Amino acid sequence: MNRSLLRNEVLPLALLFAALVAATLLVDAFLHKVNIVWVGRYLGIPGVLLIVASMFYSLRKRKIVAAGNPASLLRAHKAMAWFGSLLVLVHAGIHFNAVLPWMAIAAMLVNVVSGLTGAFLRSRARTYVESRRKSMVERGLSPAEIETRLFWDATTLDLLKGWRVVHLPIALAFAGLVVGHILVIFLFWGWR
């Protein structure tokens, strides 16, 4: 694998995920150190609200809403989903005895990984196809020959553009588990 590809594309995404895990551990350790672990119970609420707010990008992308610049909304989506996930992970660190929250956390982590992976694959594949097309134009190949040679790459790129087909159901599974968790909390928690 090309070093620059690893350094420029894969490493930042892996570091972003590692930073999420490290930040979760640091915040959780801080809450324990200053003896305010109970705060973690309530961090799930703003975390979920941030994740829900980050979905405005998806609404804009699907033209359900017209407001906002898609590129800016994508950056906001990534940041809000990251911080929301951090808060939810700290919240989950407080509860070791419940299965539903851990299923929701697993779905959320898979969703984060699928989002990062999908963004990487799509971006990298697009750059690769554009680079090959430019190289063929520079070599003087005819447009028909270029299209023939790039057919399978273009087909693969079109398939990669559909990565949301995987990302969206995982996000919906996470949402369903979160709703189940919230309902159980409302039914059984003493709200002290």
N, C-alpha and C. Protein backbone atom coordinates (compact mmCIF):
# COMPACT_ATOMS: atom_id res chain seq x y z
N MET A 1 0.84 -1.18 0.00
CA MET A 1 0.00 0.00 0.00
C MET A 1 0.89 1.24 0.00
N ASN A 2 0.52 2.22 -0.77
CA ASN A 2 1.26 3.47 -0.88
C ASN A 2 1.32 4.17 0.47
N ARG A 3 2.51 4.60 0.86
CA ARG A 3 2.66 5.27 2.16
C ARG A 3 1.80 6.51 2.26
N SER A 4 1.74 7.31 1.19
CA SER A 4 0.95 8.53 1.26
C SER A 4 -0.54 8.20 1.41
N LEU A 5 -1.00 7.15 0.78
CA LEU A 5 -2.39 6.73 0.95
C LEU A 5 -2.64 6.35 2.41
N LEU A 6 -1.72 5.59 2.97
CA LEU A 6 -1.86 5.20 4.37
C LEU A 6 -1.82 6.43 5.27
N ARG A 7 -0.85 7.29 5.04
CA ARG A 7 -0.68 8.47 5.88
C ARG A 7 -1.81 9.48 5.68
N ASN A 8 -2.23 9.69 4.46
CA ASN A 8 -3.20 10.74 4.17
C ASN A 8 -4.65 10.31 4.31
N GLU A 9 -4.94 9.05 4.17
CA GLU A 9 -6.33 8.61 4.17
C GLU A 9 -6.68 7.68 5.33
N VAL A 10 -5.92 6.60 5.47
CA VAL A 10 -6.27 5.58 6.46
C VAL A 10 -5.92 6.02 7.88
N LEU A 11 -4.72 6.52 8.06
CA LEU A 11 -4.26 6.90 9.40
C LEU A 11 -5.15 7.96 10.07
N PRO A 12 -5.54 9.03 9.37
CA PRO A 12 -6.42 10.00 10.04
C PRO A 12 -7.74 9.39 10.51
N LEU A 13 -8.31 8.49 9.73
CA LEU A 13 -9.57 7.87 10.15
C LEU A 13 -9.35 6.94 11.34
N ALA A 14 -8.27 6.18 11.31
CA ALA A 14 -7.96 5.29 12.44
C ALA A 14 -7.67 6.11 13.69
N LEU A 15 -6.96 7.22 13.53
CA LEU A 15 -6.67 8.08 14.68
C LEU A 15 -7.93 8.75 15.22
N LEU A 16 -8.84 9.10 14.34
CA LEU A 16 -10.11 9.69 14.78
C LEU A 16 -10.90 8.70 15.63
N PHE A 17 -10.92 7.44 15.21
CA PHE A 17 -11.61 6.41 15.98
C PHE A 17 -10.87 6.14 17.30
N ALA A 18 -9.54 6.06 17.24
CA ALA A 18 -8.75 5.86 18.46
C ALA A 18 -8.92 7.03 19.42
N ALA A 19 -9.01 8.24 18.88
CA ALA A 19 -9.23 9.42 19.72
C ALA A 19 -10.59 9.35 20.41
N LEU A 20 -11.58 8.81 19.73
CA LEU A 20 -12.90 8.64 20.34
C LEU A 20 -12.82 7.70 21.53
N VAL A 21 -12.15 6.58 21.36
CA VAL A 21 -11.99 5.61 22.45
C VAL A 21 -11.17 6.22 23.59
N ALA A 22 -10.06 6.88 23.25
CA ALA A 22 -9.20 7.48 24.28
C ALA A 22 -9.93 8.59 25.04
N ALA A 23 -10.66 9.43 24.32
CA ALA A 23 -11.41 10.51 24.97
C ALA A 23 -12.47 9.94 25.90
N THR A 24 -13.10 8.86 25.48
CA THR A 24 -14.10 8.20 26.33
C THR A 24 -13.47 7.73 27.63
N LEU A 25 -12.33 7.06 27.52
CA LEU A 25 -11.64 6.57 28.71
C LEU A 25 -11.19 7.71 29.62
N LEU A 26 -10.70 8.80 29.02
CA LEU A 26 -10.25 9.95 29.82
C LEU A 26 -11.41 10.63 30.54
N VAL A 27 -12.51 10.85 29.84
CA VAL A 27 -13.66 11.50 30.48
C VAL A 27 -14.21 10.61 31.58
N ASP A 28 -14.32 9.31 31.31
CA ASP A 28 -14.82 8.38 32.32
C ASP A 28 -13.90 8.35 33.54
N ALA A 29 -12.58 8.33 33.29
CA ALA A 29 -11.61 8.34 34.40
C ALA A 29 -11.72 9.64 35.20
N PHE A 30 -11.90 10.75 34.50
CA PHE A 30 -12.07 12.04 35.19
C PHE A 30 -13.31 12.03 36.08
N LEU A 31 -14.42 11.54 35.56
CA LEU A 31 -15.66 11.48 36.35
C LEU A 31 -15.46 10.63 37.61
N HIS A 32 -14.74 9.52 37.46
CA HIS A 32 -14.47 8.68 38.63
C HIS A 32 -13.52 9.37 39.61
N LYS A 33 -12.50 10.05 39.08
CA LYS A 33 -11.50 10.68 39.95
C LYS A 33 -12.11 11.79 40.80
N VAL A 34 -13.00 12.58 40.22
CA VAL A 34 -13.59 13.69 40.99
C VAL A 34 -14.91 13.28 41.64
N ASN A 35 -15.18 11.98 41.59
CA ASN A 35 -16.34 11.40 42.28
C ASN A 35 -17.68 12.00 41.82
N ILE A 36 -17.80 12.17 40.50
CA ILE A 36 -19.09 12.62 39.95
C ILE A 36 -19.54 11.67 38.83
N VAL A 37 -19.40 10.39 39.11
CA VAL A 37 -19.76 9.37 38.14
C VAL A 37 -21.23 9.49 37.72
N TRP A 38 -22.06 9.97 38.63
CA TRP A 38 -23.49 10.10 38.35
C TRP A 38 -23.77 11.00 37.14
N VAL A 39 -22.84 11.91 36.81
CA VAL A 39 -23.02 12.79 35.66
C VAL A 39 -23.13 11.96 34.37
N GLY A 40 -22.42 10.84 34.34
CA GLY A 40 -22.45 9.98 33.17
C GLY A 40 -23.84 9.50 32.80
N ARG A 41 -24.71 9.35 33.80
CA ARG A 41 -26.08 8.94 33.51
C ARG A 41 -26.77 9.90 32.56
N TYR A 42 -26.46 11.17 32.70
CA TYR A 42 -27.16 12.20 31.95
C TYR A 42 -26.47 12.59 30.64
N LEU A 43 -25.27 12.10 30.41
CA LEU A 43 -24.55 12.46 29.19
C LEU A 43 -25.14 11.79 27.94
N GLY A 44 -25.89 10.73 28.13
CA GLY A 44 -26.52 10.07 26.99
C GLY A 44 -27.52 10.97 26.29
N ILE A 45 -28.19 11.82 27.06
CA ILE A 45 -29.23 12.69 26.48
C ILE A 45 -28.62 13.70 25.50
N PRO A 46 -27.65 14.53 25.92
CA PRO A 46 -27.07 15.44 24.93
C PRO A 46 -26.32 14.70 23.81
N GLY A 47 -25.77 13.53 24.12
CA GLY A 47 -25.10 12.75 23.09
C GLY A 47 -26.05 12.33 21.99
N VAL A 48 -27.20 11.81 22.38
CA VAL A 48 -28.20 11.40 21.38
C VAL A 48 -28.72 12.62 20.63
N LEU A 49 -28.93 13.73 21.33
CA LEU A 49 -29.40 14.95 20.67
C LEU A 49 -28.39 15.44 19.63
N LEU A 50 -27.10 15.37 19.94
CA LEU A 50 -26.07 15.74 18.96
C LEU A 50 -26.10 14.81 17.75
N ILE A 51 -26.24 13.52 17.99
CA ILE A 51 -26.29 12.56 16.88
C ILE A 51 -27.53 12.81 16.02
N VAL A 52 -28.66 13.06 16.66
CA VAL A 52 -29.89 13.35 15.91
C VAL A 52 -29.72 14.64 15.10
N ALA A 53 -29.15 15.68 15.72
CA ALA A 53 -28.93 16.95 15.01
C ALA A 53 -27.97 16.76 13.83
N SER A 54 -27.02 15.85 13.96
CA SER A 54 -26.07 15.62 12.87
C SER A 54 -26.75 15.03 11.65
N MET A 55 -27.93 14.47 11.83
CA MET A 55 -28.65 13.86 10.71
C MET A 55 -29.25 14.91 9.78
N PHE A 56 -29.16 16.20 10.13
CA PHE A 56 -29.62 17.26 9.23
C PHE A 56 -28.89 17.16 7.89
N TYR A 57 -27.61 16.75 7.94
CA TYR A 57 -26.84 16.55 6.71
C TYR A 57 -27.52 15.53 5.81
N SER A 58 -27.97 14.43 6.38
CA SER A 58 -28.62 13.38 5.59
C SER A 58 -29.91 13.91 4.96
N LEU A 59 -30.64 14.72 5.71
CA LEU A 59 -31.87 15.31 5.17
C LEU A 59 -31.55 16.25 4.01
N ARG A 60 -30.49 17.01 4.14
CA ARG A 60 -30.07 17.93 3.06
C ARG A 60 -29.59 17.14 1.85
N LYS A 61 -28.84 16.09 2.11
CA LYS A 61 -28.30 15.27 1.02
C LYS A 61 -29.43 14.64 0.19
N ARG A 62 -30.51 14.27 0.86
CA ARG A 62 -31.65 13.66 0.18
C ARG A 62 -32.67 14.70 -0.29
N LYS A 63 -32.30 15.98 -0.18
CA LYS A 63 -33.13 17.10 -0.63
C LYS A 63 -34.47 17.19 0.09
N ILE A 64 -34.53 16.66 1.31
CA ILE A 64 -35.74 16.80 2.12
C ILE A 64 -35.80 18.21 2.68
N VAL A 65 -34.64 18.80 2.97
CA VAL A 65 -34.55 20.21 3.35
C VAL A 65 -33.61 20.89 2.35
N ALA A 66 -33.83 22.18 2.14
CA ALA A 66 -33.03 22.91 1.15
C ALA A 66 -31.95 23.77 1.79
N ALA A 67 -32.03 24.00 3.08
CA ALA A 67 -31.10 24.91 3.75
C ALA A 67 -29.73 24.28 3.95
N GLY A 68 -28.71 25.11 3.86
CA GLY A 68 -27.37 24.66 4.21
C GLY A 68 -26.51 24.22 3.04
N ASN A 69 -25.22 24.42 3.20
CA ASN A 69 -24.22 24.00 2.23
C ASN A 69 -23.85 22.54 2.54
N PRO A 70 -24.01 21.62 1.58
CA PRO A 70 -23.72 20.20 1.86
C PRO A 70 -22.32 19.94 2.41
N ALA A 71 -21.31 20.64 1.91
CA ALA A 71 -19.95 20.41 2.40
C ALA A 71 -19.82 20.83 3.87
N SER A 72 -20.39 21.98 4.21
CA SER A 72 -20.36 22.44 5.61
C SER A 72 -21.17 21.51 6.50
N LEU A 73 -22.32 21.07 5.99
CA LEU A 73 -23.16 20.17 6.77
C LEU A 73 -22.48 18.82 6.99
N LEU A 74 -21.70 18.35 6.00
CA LEU A 74 -20.97 17.10 6.17
C LEU A 74 -19.93 17.24 7.28
N ARG A 75 -19.20 18.36 7.29
CA ARG A 75 -18.23 18.59 8.37
C ARG A 75 -18.93 18.64 9.72
N ALA A 76 -20.07 19.33 9.78
CA ALA A 76 -20.83 19.41 11.03
C ALA A 76 -21.34 18.03 11.43
N HIS A 77 -21.79 17.24 10.45
CA HIS A 77 -22.28 15.88 10.70
C HIS A 77 -21.19 15.04 11.36
N LYS A 78 -19.99 15.11 10.80
CA LYS A 78 -18.88 14.32 11.35
C LYS A 78 -18.54 14.76 12.77
N ALA A 79 -18.44 16.08 12.99
CA ALA A 79 -18.07 16.59 14.31
C ALA A 79 -19.16 16.29 15.35
N MET A 80 -20.41 16.56 15.00
CA MET A 80 -21.50 16.35 15.96
C MET A 80 -21.68 14.87 16.26
N ALA A 81 -21.56 14.02 15.25
CA ALA A 81 -21.68 12.58 15.48
C ALA A 81 -20.53 12.08 16.35
N TRP A 82 -19.33 12.62 16.14
CA TRP A 82 -18.18 12.21 16.96
C TRP A 82 -18.39 12.62 18.42
N PHE A 83 -18.73 13.88 18.67
CA PHE A 83 -18.93 14.34 20.05
C PHE A 83 -20.15 13.67 20.68
N GLY A 84 -21.20 13.47 19.90
CA GLY A 84 -22.37 12.76 20.42
C GLY A 84 -22.02 11.34 20.80
N SER A 85 -21.23 10.68 19.95
CA SER A 85 -20.80 9.31 20.25
C SER A 85 -19.94 9.28 21.51
N LEU A 86 -19.08 10.28 21.67
CA LEU A 86 -18.26 10.37 22.88
C LEU A 86 -19.14 10.42 24.13
N LEU A 87 -20.13 11.28 24.12
CA LEU A 87 -21.01 11.42 25.28
C LEU A 87 -21.79 10.13 25.54
N VAL A 88 -22.26 9.50 24.47
CA VAL A 88 -23.01 8.24 24.63
C VAL A 88 -22.10 7.14 25.16
N LEU A 89 -20.86 7.09 24.68
CA LEU A 89 -19.92 6.08 25.18
C LEU A 89 -19.60 6.29 26.66
N VAL A 90 -19.43 7.55 27.07
CA VAL A 90 -19.20 7.82 28.50
C VAL A 90 -20.43 7.40 29.29
N HIS A 91 -21.60 7.71 28.77
CA HIS A 91 -22.85 7.30 29.41
C HIS A 91 -22.91 5.78 29.56
N ALA A 92 -22.55 5.07 28.51
CA ALA A 92 -22.61 3.60 28.53
C ALA A 92 -21.57 3.02 29.49
N GLY A 93 -20.48 3.72 29.69
CA GLY A 93 -19.46 3.24 30.61
C GLY A 93 -19.94 3.15 32.03
N ILE A 94 -21.04 3.79 32.33
CA ILE A 94 -21.59 3.80 33.68
C ILE A 94 -22.44 2.55 33.92
N HIS A 95 -22.97 1.96 32.87
CA HIS A 95 -23.92 0.84 33.01
C HIS A 95 -23.30 -0.46 32.52
N PHE A 96 -22.93 -1.33 33.42
CA PHE A 96 -22.31 -2.59 33.03
C PHE A 96 -23.28 -3.77 33.07
N ASN A 97 -24.47 -3.57 33.60
CA ASN A 97 -25.35 -4.71 33.84
C ASN A 97 -26.53 -4.81 32.89
N ALA A 98 -26.64 -3.95 31.91
CA ALA A 98 -27.80 -3.95 31.02
C ALA A 98 -27.38 -4.33 29.60
N VAL A 99 -28.16 -5.21 28.98
CA VAL A 99 -27.82 -5.71 27.65
C VAL A 99 -28.20 -4.72 26.55
N LEU A 100 -29.39 -4.13 26.63
CA LEU A 100 -29.87 -3.25 25.57
C LEU A 100 -28.94 -2.06 25.31
N PRO A 101 -28.46 -1.38 26.35
CA PRO A 101 -27.54 -0.27 26.07
C PRO A 101 -26.26 -0.73 25.38
N TRP A 102 -25.76 -1.91 25.75
CA TRP A 102 -24.54 -2.40 25.11
C TRP A 102 -24.79 -2.78 23.66
N MET A 103 -25.98 -3.28 23.35
CA MET A 103 -26.32 -3.54 21.95
C MET A 103 -26.36 -2.23 21.18
N ALA A 104 -26.93 -1.20 21.79
CA ALA A 104 -26.98 0.12 21.15
C ALA A 104 -25.57 0.66 20.94
N ILE A 105 -24.70 0.48 21.93
CA ILE A 105 -23.31 0.94 21.79
C ILE A 105 -22.61 0.18 20.67
N ALA A 106 -22.82 -1.12 20.60
CA ALA A 106 -22.20 -1.90 19.51
C ALA A 106 -22.69 -1.40 18.16
N ALA A 107 -24.00 -1.16 18.04
CA ALA A 107 -24.54 -0.64 16.78
C ALA A 107 -23.97 0.74 16.47
N MET A 108 -23.82 1.57 17.50
CA MET A 108 -23.27 2.90 17.28
C MET A 108 -21.82 2.82 16.81
N LEU A 109 -21.01 1.96 17.44
CA LEU A 109 -19.61 1.83 17.03
C LEU A 109 -19.49 1.27 15.61
N VAL A 110 -20.32 0.30 15.27
CA VAL A 110 -20.32 -0.22 13.90
C VAL A 110 -20.73 0.89 12.94
N ASN A 111 -21.69 1.71 13.34
CA ASN A 111 -22.14 2.82 12.52
C ASN A 111 -21.01 3.84 12.31
N VAL A 112 -20.27 4.16 13.37
CA VAL A 112 -19.14 5.08 13.25
C VAL A 112 -18.09 4.51 12.30
N VAL A 113 -17.76 3.24 12.49
CA VAL A 113 -16.75 2.60 11.63
C VAL A 113 -17.24 2.55 10.18
N SER A 114 -18.52 2.21 9.97
CA SER A 114 -19.02 2.14 8.59
C SER A 114 -19.03 3.53 7.96
N GLY A 115 -19.33 4.56 8.74
CA GLY A 115 -19.30 5.92 8.21
C GLY A 115 -17.90 6.33 7.81
N LEU A 116 -16.93 6.07 8.67
CA LEU A 116 -15.54 6.42 8.36
C LEU A 116 -15.03 5.61 7.18
N THR A 117 -15.33 4.32 7.15
CA THR A 117 -14.86 3.45 6.07
C THR A 117 -15.51 3.84 4.74
N GLY A 118 -16.81 4.08 4.77
CA GLY A 118 -17.51 4.46 3.54
C GLY A 118 -16.98 5.76 2.97
N ALA A 119 -16.76 6.73 3.83
CA ALA A 119 -16.23 8.02 3.38
C ALA A 119 -14.85 7.84 2.77
N PHE A 120 -14.02 7.01 3.40
CA PHE A 120 -12.67 6.76 2.89
C PHE A 120 -12.72 6.06 1.54
N LEU A 121 -13.47 4.96 1.44
CA LEU A 121 -13.50 4.19 0.20
C LEU A 121 -14.01 5.02 -0.97
N ARG A 122 -15.07 5.74 -0.74
CA ARG A 122 -15.66 6.53 -1.81
C ARG A 122 -14.72 7.63 -2.28
N SER A 123 -14.13 8.33 -1.34
CA SER A 123 -13.21 9.41 -1.68
C SER A 123 -11.99 8.87 -2.43
N ARG A 124 -11.43 7.79 -1.91
CA ARG A 124 -10.23 7.23 -2.51
C ARG A 124 -10.52 6.65 -3.90
N ALA A 125 -11.64 5.98 -4.06
CA ALA A 125 -11.99 5.39 -5.36
C ALA A 125 -12.21 6.48 -6.40
N ARG A 126 -12.88 7.55 -6.02
CA ARG A 126 -13.12 8.66 -6.95
C ARG A 126 -11.79 9.26 -7.41
N THR A 127 -10.88 9.47 -6.47
CA THR A 127 -9.56 10.02 -6.80
C THR A 127 -8.81 9.08 -7.74
N TYR A 128 -8.91 7.78 -7.48
CA TYR A 128 -8.22 6.78 -8.31
C TYR A 128 -8.75 6.81 -9.75
N VAL A 129 -10.07 6.81 -9.91
CA VAL A 129 -10.66 6.80 -11.25
C VAL A 129 -10.32 8.09 -11.99
N GLU A 130 -10.41 9.22 -11.30
CA GLU A 130 -10.07 10.50 -11.94
C GLU A 130 -8.60 10.53 -12.36
N SER A 131 -7.73 9.97 -11.54
CA SER A 131 -6.30 9.92 -11.85
C SER A 131 -6.04 9.05 -13.08
N ARG A 132 -6.70 7.91 -13.14
CA ARG A 132 -6.53 7.02 -14.31
C ARG A 132 -7.06 7.68 -15.58
N ARG A 133 -8.21 8.35 -15.46
CA ARG A 133 -8.80 9.03 -16.62
C ARG A 133 -7.84 10.12 -17.13
N LYS A 134 -7.30 10.91 -16.22
CA LYS A 134 -6.37 11.98 -16.59
C LYS A 134 -5.13 11.42 -17.27
N SER A 135 -4.61 10.32 -16.73
CA SER A 135 -3.43 9.68 -17.31
C SER A 135 -3.70 9.20 -18.73
N MET A 136 -4.88 8.63 -18.94
CA MET A 136 -5.23 8.14 -20.28
C MET A 136 -5.42 9.28 -21.27
N VAL A 137 -5.99 10.38 -20.80
CA VAL A 137 -6.15 11.56 -21.67
C VAL A 137 -4.78 12.09 -22.06
N GLU A 138 -3.87 12.16 -21.09
CA GLU A 138 -2.50 12.64 -21.36
C GLU A 138 -1.76 11.75 -22.34
N ARG A 139 -2.07 10.46 -22.34
CA ARG A 139 -1.43 9.53 -23.28
C ARG A 139 -2.08 9.58 -24.66
N GLY A 140 -3.15 10.35 -24.79
CA GLY A 140 -3.77 10.54 -26.09
C GLY A 140 -4.81 9.50 -26.48
N LEU A 141 -5.32 8.75 -25.53
CA LEU A 141 -6.36 7.76 -25.85
C LEU A 141 -7.66 8.47 -26.22
N SER A 142 -8.42 7.84 -27.08
CA SER A 142 -9.71 8.42 -27.49
C SER A 142 -10.72 8.30 -26.35
N PRO A 143 -11.72 9.19 -26.32
CA PRO A 143 -12.75 9.09 -25.28
C PRO A 143 -13.42 7.72 -25.21
N ALA A 144 -13.66 7.10 -26.37
CA ALA A 144 -14.29 5.78 -26.38
C ALA A 144 -13.37 4.73 -25.75
N GLU A 145 -12.08 4.80 -26.05
CA GLU A 145 -11.11 3.85 -25.47
C GLU A 145 -11.00 4.06 -23.96
N ILE A 146 -11.01 5.32 -23.53
CA ILE A 146 -10.94 5.62 -22.10
C ILE A 146 -12.15 5.04 -21.38
N GLU A 147 -13.32 5.24 -21.95
CA GLU A 147 -14.55 4.71 -21.33
C GLU A 147 -14.52 3.19 -21.26
N THR A 148 -14.00 2.55 -22.30
CA THR A 148 -13.91 1.09 -22.31
C THR A 148 -12.95 0.61 -21.22
N ARG A 149 -11.80 1.25 -21.12
CA ARG A 149 -10.81 0.83 -20.12
C ARG A 149 -11.25 1.13 -18.69
N LEU A 150 -12.04 2.18 -18.52
CA LEU A 150 -12.48 2.56 -17.18
C LEU A 150 -13.83 1.96 -16.79
N PHE A 151 -14.41 1.15 -17.67
CA PHE A 151 -15.75 0.64 -17.41
C PHE A 151 -15.87 -0.03 -16.05
N TRP A 152 -14.99 -0.98 -15.75
CA TRP A 152 -15.12 -1.72 -14.49
C TRP A 152 -14.77 -0.85 -13.28
N ASP A 153 -13.81 0.05 -13.45
CA ASP A 153 -13.50 0.99 -12.36
C ASP A 153 -14.69 1.91 -12.09
N ALA A 154 -15.30 2.41 -13.16
CA ALA A 154 -16.47 3.29 -13.00
C ALA A 154 -17.63 2.53 -12.37
N THR A 155 -17.80 1.28 -12.77
CA THR A 155 -18.86 0.45 -12.18
C THR A 155 -18.60 0.23 -10.69
N THR A 156 -17.35 -0.06 -10.36
CA THR A 156 -16.99 -0.23 -8.94
C THR A 156 -17.23 1.06 -8.17
N LEU A 157 -16.87 2.20 -8.75
CA LEU A 157 -17.09 3.49 -8.10
C LEU A 157 -18.58 3.72 -7.86
N ASP A 158 -19.41 3.38 -8.84
CA ASP A 158 -20.86 3.51 -8.66
C ASP A 158 -21.35 2.64 -7.51
N LEU A 159 -20.81 1.43 -7.41
CA LEU A 159 -21.19 0.55 -6.29
C LEU A 159 -20.75 1.14 -4.96
N LEU A 160 -19.55 1.71 -4.91
CA LEU A 160 -19.07 2.31 -3.67
C LEU A 160 -19.89 3.53 -3.26
N LYS A 161 -20.44 4.22 -4.24
CA LYS A 161 -21.30 5.36 -3.92
C LYS A 161 -22.53 4.90 -3.16
N GLY A 162 -22.86 3.63 -3.29
CA GLY A 162 -24.01 3.08 -2.58
C GLY A 162 -23.68 2.56 -1.19
N TRP A 163 -22.52 2.93 -0.62
CA TRP A 163 -22.15 2.45 0.71
C TRP A 163 -23.18 2.86 1.75
N ARG A 164 -23.93 3.90 1.46
CA ARG A 164 -24.97 4.33 2.41
C ARG A 164 -26.04 3.26 2.58
N VAL A 165 -26.14 2.37 1.60
CA VAL A 165 -27.10 1.27 1.71
C VAL A 165 -26.76 0.41 2.92
N VAL A 166 -25.49 0.35 3.29
CA VAL A 166 -25.05 -0.36 4.49
C VAL A 166 -25.12 0.56 5.71
N HIS A 167 -24.66 1.78 5.55
CA HIS A 167 -24.58 2.73 6.67
C HIS A 167 -25.97 3.08 7.23
N LEU A 168 -26.93 3.29 6.36
CA LEU A 168 -28.27 3.70 6.81
C LEU A 168 -28.97 2.63 7.65
N PRO A 169 -29.01 1.35 7.25
CA PRO A 169 -29.65 0.35 8.12
C PRO A 169 -28.97 0.21 9.48
N ILE A 170 -27.65 0.36 9.51
CA ILE A 170 -26.95 0.29 10.79
C ILE A 170 -27.37 1.47 11.66
N ALA A 171 -27.48 2.65 11.05
CA ALA A 171 -27.93 3.83 11.79
C ALA A 171 -29.35 3.63 12.30
N LEU A 172 -30.19 3.02 11.49
CA LEU A 172 -31.57 2.77 11.93
C LEU A 172 -31.62 1.73 13.05
N ALA A 173 -30.76 0.72 12.98
CA ALA A 173 -30.70 -0.27 14.07
C ALA A 173 -30.26 0.42 15.36
N PHE A 174 -29.26 1.29 15.26
CA PHE A 174 -28.82 2.06 16.42
C PHE A 174 -29.97 2.89 16.97
N ALA A 175 -30.69 3.56 16.08
CA ALA A 175 -31.82 4.40 16.52
C ALA A 175 -32.88 3.56 17.23
N GLY A 176 -33.18 2.38 16.69
CA GLY A 176 -34.16 1.50 17.32
C GLY A 176 -33.72 1.05 18.70
N LEU A 177 -32.46 0.70 18.83
CA LEU A 177 -31.94 0.29 20.14
C LEU A 177 -31.93 1.45 21.13
N VAL A 178 -31.63 2.64 20.65
CA VAL A 178 -31.67 3.82 21.52
C VAL A 178 -33.09 4.07 22.01
N VAL A 179 -34.05 4.00 21.09
CA VAL A 179 -35.45 4.20 21.49
C VAL A 179 -35.86 3.15 22.52
N GLY A 180 -35.47 1.89 22.30
CA GLY A 180 -35.76 0.83 23.27
C GLY A 180 -35.13 1.13 24.62
N HIS A 181 -33.90 1.58 24.62
CA HIS A 181 -33.20 1.93 25.86
C HIS A 181 -33.91 3.07 26.58
N ILE A 182 -34.30 4.09 25.83
CA ILE A 182 -34.98 5.24 26.43
C ILE A 182 -36.33 4.83 27.02
N LEU A 183 -37.06 3.99 26.30
CA LEU A 183 -38.35 3.52 26.82
C LEU A 183 -38.18 2.74 28.12
N VAL A 184 -37.17 1.87 28.15
CA VAL A 184 -36.91 1.10 29.37
C VAL A 184 -36.54 2.04 30.52
N ILE A 185 -35.75 3.05 30.23
CA ILE A 185 -35.38 4.02 31.27
C ILE A 185 -36.63 4.72 31.81
N PHE A 186 -37.48 5.19 30.91
CA PHE A 186 -38.69 5.87 31.36
C PHE A 186 -39.61 4.96 32.17
N LEU A 187 -39.62 3.68 31.82
CA LEU A 187 -40.50 2.75 32.54
C LEU A 187 -39.94 2.32 33.89
N PHE A 188 -38.62 2.13 33.99
CA PHE A 188 -38.08 1.49 35.18
C PHE A 188 -37.11 2.31 36.02
N TRP A 189 -36.64 3.43 35.55
CA TRP A 189 -35.66 4.19 36.31
C TRP A 189 -36.37 5.04 37.35
N GLY A 190 -35.78 5.16 38.52
CA GLY A 190 -36.38 5.91 39.62
C GLY A 190 -36.24 7.42 39.49
N TRP A 191 -35.47 7.94 38.54
CA TRP A 191 -35.26 9.37 38.33
C TRP A 191 -34.90 10.10 39.62
N ARG A 192 -33.92 9.58 40.31
CA ARG A 192 -33.45 10.24 41.55
C ARG A 192 -32.59 11.43 41.24
